[in-house]
């Protein structure tokens, strides 16, 4: 199954990449106790962990929503032909992402809204494609919703020095600025209502402008959390950040707040990068959380 329905909203999972990100668990999650990986190896491997090499498996995917007659994309992955000298695993990719989107029934011209939960390299790549020698918007009829705080933070003209270092080099120039110049961006702050059932809210920590998208439709609830979680281990260990978080204390506070809301409201938690079934329901477990159940999306069976 590649599509589920929550209330009046359908959600498709559109794959760009699944497999290793060439990082060990210690490097990716330096704050996570080793026993969390050891104790969870039986269910983390192979979808989230290669226990033989102790490396993290991750998915790059876009969540395709159809809500109130509009076609919405949540995050746009890495993109093709992008120069990423300090993120070599994402450099000069040639994936079938647009074909996968077409298999879900959507052509680029059909997209009404693009949501970038934040502006990291693996969340904005398909905002643009290479047309000759120019980067142009992939979704010409869409409004691109970007958090203003991230737009300002990652704009190289503003001279910020991120924790990510040069890992985001070229990203603003080839995947953000072209759609802004085309007049397609809406830079929002604090909160933004998309329709009766979809709302964006600031959720800073991972980056200054990181956001979550909350879905409320009928009796169903879900929250698209971007990189608030990279691994289900962070559900069990909610104070464990990835190495990419700009504000570690803020990231921990946001994670606990959002997971608490999800547990109390029986909401599906939908991160950007989970392999396996892609999303999970959570419950409280003392001062931590547990995986209560998985979404019915079919796991990816092949890497690449």
Protein backbone atom coordinates (compact mmCIF):
# COMPACT_ATOMS: atom_id res chain seq x y z
CA UNK A 1 0.00 0.00 0.00
CA UNK A 2 1.35 3.41 -1.00
CA UNK A 3 -1.74 5.44 -0.05
CA UNK A 4 -3.77 5.86 3.12
CA UNK A 5 -6.77 8.02 3.88
CA UNK A 6 -7.20 10.05 7.04
CA UNK A 7 -10.61 11.69 7.23
CA UNK A 8 -11.05 13.47 3.91
CA UNK A 9 -7.33 13.61 3.10
CA UNK A 10 -5.42 11.02 1.09
CA UNK A 11 -1.69 10.57 1.68
CA UNK A 12 0.68 8.96 -0.81
CA UNK A 13 4.28 8.04 -0.12
CA UNK A 14 6.51 9.02 -3.07
CA UNK A 15 10.01 7.59 -2.95
CA UNK A 16 13.20 9.23 -4.12
CA UNK A 17 15.84 7.13 -2.34
CA UNK A 18 16.12 4.47 0.34
CA UNK A 19 19.29 3.03 1.83
CA UNK A 20 22.43 3.95 3.69
CA UNK A 21 23.40 7.53 4.40
CA UNK A 22 26.99 6.40 5.08
CA UNK A 23 26.86 7.39 8.74
CA UNK A 24 27.24 5.19 11.79
CA UNK A 25 24.73 5.41 14.61
CA UNK A 26 27.36 7.06 16.82
CA UNK A 27 28.05 9.76 14.25
CA UNK A 28 24.43 10.41 13.31
CA UNK A 29 23.03 10.25 16.84
CA UNK A 30 25.89 11.05 19.24
CA UNK A 31 23.51 11.51 22.18
CA UNK A 32 21.68 8.18 21.85
CA UNK A 33 22.70 5.46 24.33
CA UNK A 34 24.32 2.50 22.59
CA UNK A 35 22.00 0.12 24.40
CA UNK A 36 19.03 1.71 22.62
CA UNK A 37 20.43 0.46 19.32
CA UNK A 38 21.46 -2.89 20.75
CA UNK A 39 18.12 -3.50 22.47
CA UNK A 40 16.19 -2.47 19.36
CA UNK A 41 18.30 -4.23 16.74
CA UNK A 42 15.71 -6.98 16.20
CA UNK A 43 13.13 -4.49 14.90
CA UNK A 44 15.37 -1.66 13.68
CA UNK A 45 17.28 -3.89 11.28
CA UNK A 46 16.97 -3.71 8.27
CA UNK A 47 14.55 -0.83 7.72
CA UNK A 48 16.29 1.71 9.97
CA UNK A 49 19.65 0.14 10.73
CA UNK A 50 22.26 -2.09 9.17
CA UNK A 51 23.47 -3.77 12.34
CA UNK A 52 26.30 -5.49 10.50
CA UNK A 53 27.98 -2.17 9.70
CA UNK A 54 26.27 -0.12 12.45
CA UNK A 55 25.10 2.38 9.82
CA UNK A 56 21.79 4.17 9.54
CA UNK A 57 19.31 3.39 6.77
CA UNK A 58 17.12 6.28 5.73
CA UNK A 59 14.43 7.17 3.21
CA UNK A 60 14.21 10.29 1.11
CA UNK A 61 10.55 10.68 0.22
CA UNK A 62 7.80 13.19 -0.39
CA UNK A 63 4.39 13.00 1.20
CA UNK A 64 1.69 13.71 -1.38
CA UNK A 65 -1.56 15.01 0.08
CA UNK A 66 -4.88 15.62 -1.62
CA UNK A 67 -7.03 17.89 0.51
CA UNK A 68 -10.05 20.06 -0.35
CA UNK A 69 -9.37 19.70 -4.06
CA UNK A 70 -5.71 20.69 -3.86
CA UNK A 71 -2.56 18.68 -4.49
CA UNK A 72 0.11 19.26 -1.85
CA UNK A 73 3.69 18.03 -1.56
CA UNK A 74 5.41 17.87 1.84
CA UNK A 75 9.19 18.20 1.30
CA UNK A 76 10.86 17.63 -2.05
CA UNK A 77 13.92 15.55 -1.32
CA UNK A 78 17.36 15.94 -2.84
CA UNK A 79 16.74 16.51 -6.55
CA UNK A 80 18.76 15.55 -9.60
CA UNK A 81 22.05 16.96 -10.90
CA UNK A 82 22.69 19.08 -7.79
CA UNK A 83 26.30 19.89 -6.87
CA UNK A 84 26.75 18.95 -3.20
CA UNK A 85 30.51 18.99 -2.54
CA UNK A 86 30.09 18.65 1.24
CA UNK A 87 27.19 16.18 1.09
CA UNK A 88 28.61 13.66 -1.42
CA UNK A 89 25.88 11.06 -0.83
CA UNK A 90 23.42 13.59 -2.33
CA UNK A 91 25.61 14.97 -5.10
CA UNK A 92 24.65 14.63 -8.78
CA UNK A 93 21.82 12.16 -8.20
CA UNK A 94 19.75 10.82 -11.07
CA UNK A 95 16.63 9.30 -9.54
CA UNK A 96 13.18 8.44 -10.88
CA UNK A 97 11.38 10.74 -8.47
CA UNK A 98 9.22 12.52 -11.07
CA UNK A 99 8.26 9.18 -12.59
CA UNK A 100 7.30 7.94 -9.13
CA UNK A 101 5.21 11.07 -8.66
CA UNK A 102 3.54 10.41 -12.00
CA UNK A 103 2.76 6.85 -10.90
CA UNK A 104 0.88 8.43 -8.01
CA UNK A 105 -1.18 10.34 -10.57
CA UNK A 106 0.52 13.73 -10.36
CA UNK A 107 2.42 15.73 -12.97
CA UNK A 108 4.48 18.77 -11.92
CA UNK A 109 1.86 21.15 -13.32
CA UNK A 110 -0.81 19.57 -11.09
CA UNK A 111 0.81 20.60 -7.81
CA UNK A 112 -0.90 23.46 -5.99
CA UNK A 113 1.24 23.73 -2.84
CA UNK A 114 4.78 22.72 -1.96
CA UNK A 115 5.64 22.65 1.74
CA UNK A 116 9.29 22.76 2.75
CA UNK A 117 9.26 21.87 6.44
CA UNK A 118 12.76 23.37 6.59
CA UNK A 119 15.45 24.23 4.07
CA UNK A 120 18.04 21.48 4.40
CA UNK A 121 19.61 19.84 1.36
CA UNK A 122 17.31 16.79 1.45
CA UNK A 123 14.04 18.71 1.76
CA UNK A 124 14.13 21.25 -1.06
CA UNK A 125 15.97 19.57 -3.94
CA UNK A 126 13.05 18.96 -6.28
CA UNK A 127 11.87 22.54 -5.82
CA UNK A 128 13.83 23.08 -9.03
CA UNK A 129 15.23 21.18 -11.99
CA UNK A 130 18.00 21.90 -14.44
CA UNK A 131 16.72 23.40 -17.70
CA UNK A 132 19.77 23.83 -19.88
CA UNK A 133 22.08 25.78 -17.60
CA UNK A 134 19.37 27.29 -15.39
CA UNK A 135 17.57 26.07 -12.29
CA UNK A 136 13.84 26.61 -12.76
CA UNK A 137 10.79 25.75 -10.60
CA UNK A 138 9.73 22.13 -11.00
CA UNK A 139 6.15 22.92 -9.97
CA UNK A 140 5.30 26.07 -11.93
CA UNK A 141 1.71 26.44 -10.69
CA UNK A 142 2.47 25.87 -7.01
CA UNK A 143 2.84 28.16 -4.05
CA UNK A 144 5.99 27.16 -2.18
CA UNK A 145 5.45 27.55 1.58
CA UNK A 146 8.78 28.20 3.31
CA UNK A 147 9.43 29.19 6.93
CA UNK A 148 10.76 32.75 6.90
CA UNK A 149 13.15 32.02 9.76
CA UNK A 150 14.84 29.29 7.71
CA UNK A 151 14.80 31.40 4.55
CA UNK A 152 16.69 34.14 6.39
CA UNK A 153 19.02 31.72 8.20
CA UNK A 154 20.13 29.84 5.09
CA UNK A 155 20.38 32.88 2.83
CA UNK A 156 24.16 33.19 2.37
CA UNK A 157 23.85 36.96 2.16
CA UNK A 158 23.04 37.00 5.88
CA UNK A 159 26.33 35.38 6.88
CA UNK A 160 25.11 32.81 9.42
CA UNK A 161 27.47 30.01 10.46
CA UNK A 162 25.33 26.89 10.86
CA UNK A 163 26.15 23.78 12.84
CA UNK A 164 25.79 21.92 9.54
CA UNK A 165 28.87 23.79 8.33
CA UNK A 166 29.11 23.65 4.55
CA UNK A 167 26.72 20.71 4.27
CA UNK A 168 24.05 22.98 2.79
CA UNK A 169 26.38 24.67 0.31
CA UNK A 170 24.70 25.63 -3.01
CA UNK A 171 21.26 24.63 -1.70
CA UNK A 172 19.84 28.12 -1.28
CA UNK A 173 21.22 29.20 -4.64
CA UNK A 174 19.90 26.30 -6.73
CA UNK A 175 16.79 25.14 -4.85
CA UNK A 176 15.38 28.12 -2.95
CA UNK A 177 16.36 31.39 -4.64
CA UNK A 178 15.05 30.40 -8.12
CA UNK A 179 11.49 29.83 -6.89
CA UNK A 180 11.64 33.02 -4.83
CA UNK A 181 12.76 35.01 -7.86
CA UNK A 182 9.89 33.47 -9.82
CA UNK A 183 7.45 34.90 -7.28
CA UNK A 184 6.21 31.49 -6.15
CA UNK A 185 7.19 31.57 -2.46
CA UNK A 186 5.11 32.45 0.57
CA UNK A 187 7.36 33.06 3.56
CA UNK A 188 5.32 32.41 6.67
CA UNK A 189 5.97 32.94 10.38
CA UNK A 190 4.62 31.33 13.57
CA UNK A 191 1.61 29.55 12.02
CA UNK A 192 -0.07 29.23 8.65
CA UNK A 193 -3.50 27.75 7.95
CA UNK A 194 -3.65 25.92 4.60
CA UNK A 195 -7.24 24.70 4.80
CA UNK A 196 -9.74 23.55 7.39
CA UNK A 197 -7.75 20.41 8.17
CA UNK A 198 -4.11 21.41 7.58
CA UNK A 199 -2.04 23.85 9.61
CA UNK A 200 1.68 24.64 9.67
CA UNK A 201 3.30 25.60 12.96
CA UNK A 202 6.81 26.66 13.87
CA UNK A 203 8.74 23.87 15.60
CA UNK A 204 12.29 25.22 15.93
CA UNK A 205 15.32 23.36 17.11
CA UNK A 206 16.54 21.20 14.26
CA UNK A 207 16.80 24.46 12.32
CA UNK A 208 15.58 27.94 13.33
CA UNK A 209 12.58 27.66 11.02
CA UNK A 210 11.74 23.97 11.29
CA UNK A 211 8.01 23.35 11.18
CA UNK A 212 5.38 20.66 11.55
CA UNK A 213 2.20 20.14 9.55
CA UNK A 214 -0.81 19.04 11.58
CA UNK A 215 -3.69 17.19 9.91
CA UNK A 216 -7.10 17.14 11.58
CA UNK A 217 -9.90 15.60 9.54
CA UNK A 218 -12.95 13.93 11.03
CA UNK A 219 -11.72 11.80 13.91
CA UNK A 220 -8.26 11.30 12.39
CA UNK A 221 -5.10 13.12 13.40
CA UNK A 222 -1.57 13.17 12.02
CA UNK A 223 1.50 15.33 12.27
CA UNK A 224 4.21 15.58 9.61
CA UNK A 225 7.33 16.31 11.62
CA UNK A 226 10.10 16.71 9.03
CA UNK A 227 13.44 16.10 10.74
CA UNK A 228 12.18 16.29 14.30
CA UNK A 229 12.78 12.52 14.04
CA UNK A 230 15.30 10.76 11.82
CA UNK A 231 14.91 7.36 13.47
CA UNK A 232 12.27 5.63 15.61
CA UNK A 233 14.98 5.36 18.28
CA UNK A 234 14.23 9.03 18.99
CA UNK A 235 10.69 8.06 19.98
CA UNK A 236 12.11 5.78 22.65
CA UNK A 237 14.84 8.29 23.52
CA UNK A 238 13.20 11.70 22.94
CA UNK A 239 16.15 13.68 24.28
CA UNK A 240 18.46 12.25 21.59
CA UNK A 241 19.19 14.67 18.78
CA UNK A 242 20.79 14.05 15.43
CA UNK A 243 24.16 15.67 14.83
CA UNK A 244 22.48 18.15 12.49
CA UNK A 245 20.39 20.05 15.04
CA UNK A 246 21.21 23.75 15.21
CA UNK A 247 19.67 24.24 18.67
CA UNK A 248 19.97 21.00 20.66
CA UNK A 249 17.92 22.17 23.65
CA UNK A 250 15.21 23.55 21.37
CA UNK A 251 15.12 20.33 19.35
CA UNK A 252 14.62 18.25 22.49
CA UNK A 253 11.83 20.51 23.72
CA UNK A 254 10.06 20.45 20.36
CA UNK A 255 10.33 16.66 20.11
CA UNK A 256 8.83 16.11 23.55
CA UNK A 257 6.03 18.61 22.90
CA UNK A 258 5.00 17.15 19.55
CA UNK A 259 5.30 13.51 20.63
CA UNK A 260 3.25 14.30 23.73
CA UNK A 261 0.50 15.84 21.60
CA UNK A 262 0.56 12.88 19.23
CA UNK A 263 0.34 10.37 22.09
CA UNK A 264 -2.52 12.23 23.75
CA UNK A 265 -4.48 12.66 20.51
CA UNK A 266 -3.87 9.26 18.89
CA UNK A 267 -2.13 11.01 16.01
CA UNK A 268 0.03 9.33 13.39
CA UNK A 269 3.59 10.70 13.50
CA UNK A 270 4.97 11.05 9.98
CA UNK A 271 8.68 11.95 9.78
CA UNK A 272 10.47 12.76 6.57
CA UNK A 273 12.99 9.93 6.51
CA UNK A 274 11.67 6.73 8.05
CA UNK A 275 11.99 3.57 6.01
CA UNK A 276 9.87 0.60 6.99
CA UNK A 277 6.23 1.56 7.28
CA UNK A 278 7.14 5.24 7.21
CA UNK A 279 5.08 6.46 10.16
CA UNK A 280 3.99 5.39 13.61
CA UNK A 281 1.46 5.89 16.35
CA UNK A 282 3.06 6.57 19.72
CA UNK A 283 2.14 6.21 23.36
CA UNK A 284 3.59 7.58 26.58
CA UNK A 285 6.02 5.32 28.45
CA UNK A 286 6.85 7.06 31.70
CA UNK A 287 8.81 10.17 30.77
CA UNK A 288 9.56 8.72 27.33
CA UNK A 289 7.48 7.30 24.46
CA UNK A 290 6.91 4.00 22.70
CA UNK A 291 5.84 2.85 19.25
CA UNK A 292 2.20 1.78 19.57
CA UNK A 293 1.70 0.75 15.96
CA UNK A 294 2.95 1.33 12.44
CA UNK A 295 1.20 2.95 9.47
CA UNK A 296 0.00 0.54 6.77
CA UNK A 297 2.41 1.77 4.09
CA UNK A 298 4.33 -1.06 2.46
CA UNK A 299 8.02 -1.11 3.48
CA UNK A 300 10.63 -0.43 0.84
CA UNK A 301 12.16 -3.73 -0.17
CA UNK A 302 15.10 -2.56 -2.28
CA UNK A 303 17.77 0.03 -1.66
CA UNK A 304 18.66 2.76 -4.08
